[in-house]
């Protein structure tokens, strides 16, 4: 089975929920968060974690995970800035299905304070 590597910048509250899941799934979106945004490269995730999450909560994490390529093919890649500013837009109601297609564990690859 082919997989795709994705990254997700996150703050401490979301990361605590990921840890509580056994590092296997992303938590449901909060009200006002209609979309889950995993990104396609570590550099973009780092910029968000370092520049946004640290300001918002004092710490930002970069996570990495694998997802089944065949499942991910249902979604379009969105370019939301420069050439490397790429992300998927997963509707909140699709997140449980998305989580079922994660392969292995979600891992923290960087922390910024």
N, C-alpha and C. Protein backbone atom coordinates (compact mmCIF):
# COMPACT_ATOMS: atom_id res chain seq x y z
N UNK A 1 0.85 -1.18 0.00
CA UNK A 1 0.00 0.00 0.00
C UNK A 1 0.89 1.24 0.00
N UNK A 2 0.66 2.11 -0.95
CA UNK A 2 1.43 3.35 -1.04
C UNK A 2 0.88 4.37 -0.05
N UNK A 3 1.79 5.13 0.54
CA UNK A 3 1.39 6.18 1.48
C UNK A 3 1.98 7.52 1.06
N UNK A 4 1.41 8.57 1.62
CA UNK A 4 1.89 9.94 1.42
C UNK A 4 2.24 10.48 2.80
N UNK A 5 3.35 11.18 2.90
CA UNK A 5 3.74 11.83 4.15
C UNK A 5 3.12 13.22 4.19
N UNK A 6 2.46 13.52 5.29
CA UNK A 6 1.89 14.85 5.52
C UNK A 6 2.42 15.38 6.84
N UNK A 7 2.35 16.68 7.00
CA UNK A 7 2.76 17.36 8.23
C UNK A 7 1.59 18.17 8.74
N UNK A 8 1.62 18.44 10.04
CA UNK A 8 0.57 19.26 10.65
C UNK A 8 1.21 20.10 11.75
N UNK A 9 1.17 21.43 11.62
CA UNK A 9 1.58 22.28 12.73
C UNK A 9 0.46 22.27 13.77
N UNK A 10 0.82 22.21 15.02
CA UNK A 10 -0.21 22.13 16.06
C UNK A 10 0.25 22.78 17.35
N UNK A 11 -0.71 23.15 18.15
CA UNK A 11 -0.43 23.71 19.46
C UNK A 11 -0.57 22.65 20.53
N UNK A 12 -0.35 23.02 21.78
CA UNK A 12 -0.33 22.03 22.86
C UNK A 12 -1.68 21.37 23.14
N UNK A 13 -2.78 22.08 22.97
CA UNK A 13 -4.09 21.47 23.26
C UNK A 13 -4.42 20.38 22.26
N UNK A 14 -4.23 20.68 20.98
CA UNK A 14 -4.50 19.66 19.96
C UNK A 14 -3.54 18.48 20.12
N UNK A 15 -2.27 18.77 20.40
CA UNK A 15 -1.30 17.70 20.55
C UNK A 15 -1.66 16.78 21.73
N UNK A 16 -2.17 17.34 22.81
CA UNK A 16 -2.58 16.52 23.96
C UNK A 16 -3.69 15.55 23.56
N UNK A 17 -4.59 15.99 22.69
CA UNK A 17 -5.67 15.10 22.22
C UNK A 17 -5.14 14.02 21.29
N UNK A 18 -4.16 14.37 20.48
CA UNK A 18 -3.51 13.36 19.62
C UNK A 18 -2.83 12.31 20.49
N UNK A 19 -2.11 12.78 21.50
CA UNK A 19 -1.45 11.84 22.42
C UNK A 19 -2.46 10.93 23.11
N UNK A 20 -3.59 11.50 23.54
CA UNK A 20 -4.64 10.71 24.20
C UNK A 20 -5.21 9.63 23.28
N UNK A 21 -5.11 9.83 21.98
CA UNK A 21 -5.60 8.83 21.02
C UNK A 21 -4.58 7.72 20.78
N UNK A 22 -3.46 7.78 21.48
CA UNK A 22 -2.39 6.82 21.23
C UNK A 22 -1.57 7.19 20.01
N UNK A 23 -1.59 8.49 19.65
CA UNK A 23 -0.87 9.01 18.49
C UNK A 23 -1.41 8.43 17.18
N UNK A 24 -2.72 8.15 17.16
CA UNK A 24 -3.33 7.49 16.00
C UNK A 24 -4.31 8.35 15.22
N UNK A 25 -4.81 9.44 15.84
CA UNK A 25 -5.83 10.21 15.12
C UNK A 25 -5.85 11.67 15.54
N UNK A 26 -6.42 12.47 14.65
CA UNK A 26 -6.61 13.89 14.91
C UNK A 26 -7.97 14.09 15.56
N UNK A 27 -8.06 15.02 16.52
CA UNK A 27 -9.33 15.24 17.22
C UNK A 27 -10.34 15.94 16.32
N UNK A 28 -11.62 15.80 16.67
CA UNK A 28 -12.66 16.51 15.92
C UNK A 28 -12.37 18.02 15.92
N UNK A 29 -12.79 18.66 14.88
CA UNK A 29 -12.63 20.11 14.78
C UNK A 29 -13.55 20.79 15.79
N UNK A 30 -13.11 21.93 16.27
CA UNK A 30 -13.91 22.74 17.18
C UNK A 30 -14.95 23.51 16.40
N UNK A 31 -15.99 24.00 17.07
CA UNK A 31 -16.93 24.88 16.36
C UNK A 31 -16.17 26.03 15.72
N UNK A 32 -16.52 26.36 14.52
CA UNK A 32 -15.82 27.42 13.81
C UNK A 32 -14.60 26.92 13.05
N UNK A 33 -14.33 25.62 13.10
CA UNK A 33 -13.22 25.01 12.35
C UNK A 33 -13.80 23.98 11.38
N UNK A 34 -14.29 24.44 10.25
CA UNK A 34 -14.97 23.51 9.33
C UNK A 34 -14.03 22.62 8.51
N UNK A 35 -12.73 22.90 8.58
CA UNK A 35 -11.78 22.18 7.73
C UNK A 35 -10.53 21.81 8.53
N UNK A 36 -9.99 20.62 8.27
CA UNK A 36 -8.71 20.16 8.80
C UNK A 36 -7.68 20.37 7.71
N UNK A 37 -6.55 21.00 8.05
CA UNK A 37 -5.54 21.39 7.06
C UNK A 37 -4.20 20.70 7.28
N UNK A 38 -3.99 19.49 6.79
CA UNK A 38 -2.63 18.95 6.80
C UNK A 38 -1.85 19.57 5.64
N UNK A 39 -0.55 19.70 5.79
CA UNK A 39 0.26 20.37 4.77
C UNK A 39 1.22 19.37 4.13
N UNK A 40 1.77 19.76 2.97
CA UNK A 40 2.55 18.83 2.17
C UNK A 40 4.05 18.89 2.38
N UNK A 41 4.52 19.84 3.19
CA UNK A 41 5.97 19.86 3.41
C UNK A 41 6.31 20.38 4.80
N UNK A 42 7.43 19.92 5.28
CA UNK A 42 7.86 20.24 6.64
C UNK A 42 8.17 21.73 6.82
N UNK A 43 8.73 22.35 5.79
CA UNK A 43 9.07 23.77 5.89
C UNK A 43 7.83 24.62 6.15
N UNK A 44 6.77 24.37 5.43
CA UNK A 44 5.52 25.12 5.62
C UNK A 44 4.96 24.87 7.02
N UNK A 45 4.96 23.62 7.45
CA UNK A 45 4.49 23.29 8.80
C UNK A 45 5.34 23.98 9.86
N UNK A 46 6.64 24.05 9.64
CA UNK A 46 7.55 24.70 10.58
C UNK A 46 7.22 26.19 10.70
N UNK A 47 7.01 26.83 9.58
CA UNK A 47 6.70 28.27 9.62
C UNK A 47 5.42 28.54 10.42
N UNK A 48 4.41 27.72 10.23
CA UNK A 48 3.16 27.92 10.98
C UNK A 48 3.37 27.65 12.47
N UNK A 49 4.02 26.53 12.79
CA UNK A 49 4.24 26.18 14.19
C UNK A 49 5.07 27.25 14.90
N UNK A 50 6.12 27.69 14.26
CA UNK A 50 7.05 28.65 14.86
C UNK A 50 6.47 30.06 14.91
N UNK A 51 5.82 30.49 13.84
CA UNK A 51 5.38 31.88 13.73
C UNK A 51 3.96 32.12 14.25
N UNK A 52 3.10 31.11 14.22
CA UNK A 52 1.71 31.30 14.64
C UNK A 52 1.40 30.60 15.96
N UNK A 53 1.74 29.29 16.04
CA UNK A 53 1.38 28.55 17.24
C UNK A 53 2.13 29.06 18.47
N UNK A 54 3.39 29.42 18.33
CA UNK A 54 4.15 29.95 19.47
C UNK A 54 3.51 31.23 19.97
N UNK A 55 3.14 32.13 19.06
CA UNK A 55 2.49 33.38 19.47
C UNK A 55 1.15 33.12 20.15
N UNK A 56 0.40 32.15 19.66
CA UNK A 56 -0.94 31.87 20.18
C UNK A 56 -0.92 31.13 21.51
N UNK A 57 0.05 30.23 21.71
CA UNK A 57 0.00 29.39 22.91
C UNK A 57 1.34 29.16 23.59
N UNK A 58 2.39 29.82 23.12
CA UNK A 58 3.69 29.69 23.76
C UNK A 58 4.53 28.53 23.26
N UNK A 59 3.94 27.63 22.51
CA UNK A 59 4.68 26.49 21.96
C UNK A 59 4.00 26.04 20.67
N UNK A 60 4.80 25.60 19.72
CA UNK A 60 4.28 25.06 18.48
C UNK A 60 5.02 23.78 18.14
N UNK A 61 4.28 22.83 17.62
CA UNK A 61 4.85 21.53 17.27
C UNK A 61 4.65 21.26 15.79
N UNK A 62 5.61 20.56 15.21
CA UNK A 62 5.46 20.05 13.86
C UNK A 62 5.30 18.55 13.99
N UNK A 63 4.22 18.04 13.42
CA UNK A 63 3.98 16.61 13.43
C UNK A 63 4.06 16.07 12.02
N UNK A 64 4.31 14.76 11.94
CA UNK A 64 4.39 14.09 10.64
C UNK A 64 3.61 12.78 10.75
N UNK A 65 2.96 12.41 9.65
CA UNK A 65 2.24 11.15 9.62
C UNK A 65 2.09 10.67 8.19
N UNK A 66 1.77 9.40 8.06
CA UNK A 66 1.55 8.78 6.75
C UNK A 66 0.05 8.49 6.59
N UNK A 67 -0.42 8.63 5.37
CA UNK A 67 -1.81 8.32 5.07
C UNK A 67 -1.86 7.57 3.74
N UNK A 68 -2.83 6.71 3.59
CA UNK A 68 -2.97 5.92 2.37
C UNK A 68 -3.15 6.85 1.17
N UNK A 69 -2.30 6.67 0.19
CA UNK A 69 -2.34 7.51 -1.01
C UNK A 69 -3.67 7.39 -1.75
N UNK A 70 -4.18 6.19 -1.86
CA UNK A 70 -5.45 5.98 -2.58
C UNK A 70 -6.59 6.76 -1.94
N UNK A 71 -6.62 6.80 -0.61
CA UNK A 71 -7.64 7.58 0.09
C UNK A 71 -7.43 9.08 -0.15
N UNK A 72 -6.21 9.54 -0.02
CA UNK A 72 -5.91 10.97 -0.15
C UNK A 72 -6.20 11.50 -1.55
N UNK A 73 -6.16 10.63 -2.53
CA UNK A 73 -6.43 11.04 -3.92
C UNK A 73 -7.84 11.61 -4.09
N UNK A 74 -8.72 11.41 -3.14
CA UNK A 74 -10.08 11.99 -3.20
C UNK A 74 -10.07 13.51 -3.06
N UNK A 75 -8.98 14.04 -2.53
CA UNK A 75 -8.90 15.46 -2.19
C UNK A 75 -7.90 16.18 -3.09
N UNK A 76 -8.18 17.45 -3.34
CA UNK A 76 -7.28 18.30 -4.13
C UNK A 76 -6.24 18.95 -3.23
N UNK A 77 -5.08 19.18 -3.80
CA UNK A 77 -4.05 19.99 -3.14
C UNK A 77 -4.39 21.45 -3.44
N UNK A 78 -4.33 22.29 -2.41
CA UNK A 78 -4.60 23.72 -2.56
C UNK A 78 -3.30 24.49 -2.35
N UNK A 79 -2.98 25.36 -3.29
CA UNK A 79 -1.84 26.26 -3.15
C UNK A 79 -2.38 27.55 -2.57
N UNK A 80 -1.94 27.90 -1.36
CA UNK A 80 -2.53 29.03 -0.63
C UNK A 80 -1.56 30.18 -0.44
N UNK A 81 -0.51 30.17 -1.20
CA UNK A 81 0.52 31.21 -1.13
C UNK A 81 1.55 30.92 -2.19
N UNK A 82 2.81 30.93 -1.80
CA UNK A 82 3.89 30.63 -2.73
C UNK A 82 3.85 29.18 -3.20
N UNK A 83 4.81 28.82 -4.04
CA UNK A 83 4.83 27.49 -4.65
C UNK A 83 4.87 26.35 -3.64
N UNK A 84 5.45 26.57 -2.48
CA UNK A 84 5.55 25.50 -1.48
C UNK A 84 4.49 25.59 -0.38
N UNK A 85 3.56 26.52 -0.52
CA UNK A 85 2.50 26.69 0.48
C UNK A 85 1.31 25.84 0.02
N UNK A 86 1.41 24.54 0.31
CA UNK A 86 0.45 23.56 -0.19
C UNK A 86 -0.21 22.83 0.97
N UNK A 87 -1.51 22.62 0.84
CA UNK A 87 -2.24 21.92 1.89
C UNK A 87 -3.46 21.23 1.32
N UNK A 88 -3.94 20.27 2.08
CA UNK A 88 -5.21 19.61 1.77
C UNK A 88 -6.28 20.25 2.64
N UNK A 89 -7.49 20.29 2.12
CA UNK A 89 -8.64 20.80 2.89
C UNK A 89 -9.58 19.62 3.11
N UNK A 90 -9.56 19.09 4.31
CA UNK A 90 -10.39 17.95 4.66
C UNK A 90 -11.59 18.47 5.46
N UNK A 91 -12.81 18.36 4.92
CA UNK A 91 -13.98 18.84 5.67
C UNK A 91 -14.06 18.15 7.04
N UNK A 92 -14.45 18.90 8.04
CA UNK A 92 -14.49 18.39 9.41
C UNK A 92 -15.30 17.09 9.51
N UNK A 93 -16.38 17.00 8.76
CA UNK A 93 -17.21 15.80 8.84
C UNK A 93 -16.52 14.57 8.23
N UNK A 94 -15.45 14.76 7.46
CA UNK A 94 -14.70 13.65 6.87
C UNK A 94 -13.51 13.23 7.72
N UNK A 95 -13.24 13.96 8.80
CA UNK A 95 -12.06 13.67 9.61
C UNK A 95 -12.06 12.26 10.21
N UNK A 96 -13.18 11.72 10.70
CA UNK A 96 -13.12 10.34 11.21
C UNK A 96 -12.67 9.34 10.13
N UNK A 97 -13.15 9.50 8.91
CA UNK A 97 -12.72 8.62 7.82
C UNK A 97 -11.25 8.85 7.50
N UNK A 98 -10.83 10.10 7.47
CA UNK A 98 -9.42 10.44 7.26
C UNK A 98 -8.55 9.72 8.29
N UNK A 99 -8.94 9.78 9.55
CA UNK A 99 -8.18 9.14 10.63
C UNK A 99 -8.05 7.64 10.42
N UNK A 100 -9.07 7.00 9.88
CA UNK A 100 -9.02 5.55 9.66
C UNK A 100 -7.99 5.16 8.60
N UNK A 101 -7.55 6.12 7.81
CA UNK A 101 -6.60 5.83 6.74
C UNK A 101 -5.16 6.27 7.08
N UNK A 102 -4.96 6.75 8.31
CA UNK A 102 -3.60 7.05 8.77
C UNK A 102 -2.88 5.72 8.97
N UNK A 103 -1.65 5.65 8.50
CA UNK A 103 -0.84 4.44 8.61
C UNK A 103 0.23 4.70 9.67
N UNK A 104 0.23 3.90 10.71
CA UNK A 104 1.21 4.09 11.78
C UNK A 104 0.78 5.19 12.73
N UNK A 105 1.76 5.79 13.36
CA UNK A 105 1.49 6.81 14.39
C UNK A 105 1.84 8.20 13.90
N UNK A 106 1.18 9.15 14.50
CA UNK A 106 1.50 10.57 14.31
C UNK A 106 2.71 10.85 15.20
N UNK A 107 3.71 11.50 14.66
CA UNK A 107 4.90 11.76 15.47
C UNK A 107 5.28 13.23 15.48
N UNK A 108 5.81 13.68 16.61
CA UNK A 108 6.31 15.05 16.73
C UNK A 108 7.74 15.06 16.20
N UNK A 109 8.00 15.96 15.24
CA UNK A 109 9.35 16.03 14.67
C UNK A 109 10.08 17.33 15.04
N UNK A 110 9.34 18.32 15.60
CA UNK A 110 9.99 19.56 16.03
C UNK A 110 9.09 20.27 17.04
N UNK A 111 9.75 21.04 17.89
CA UNK A 111 9.05 21.86 18.91
C UNK A 111 9.68 23.24 18.92
N UNK A 112 8.83 24.25 18.99
CA UNK A 112 9.30 25.65 19.01
C UNK A 112 8.67 26.37 20.19
N UNK A 113 9.49 27.22 20.85
CA UNK A 113 9.00 28.00 21.99
C UNK A 113 9.40 29.44 21.83
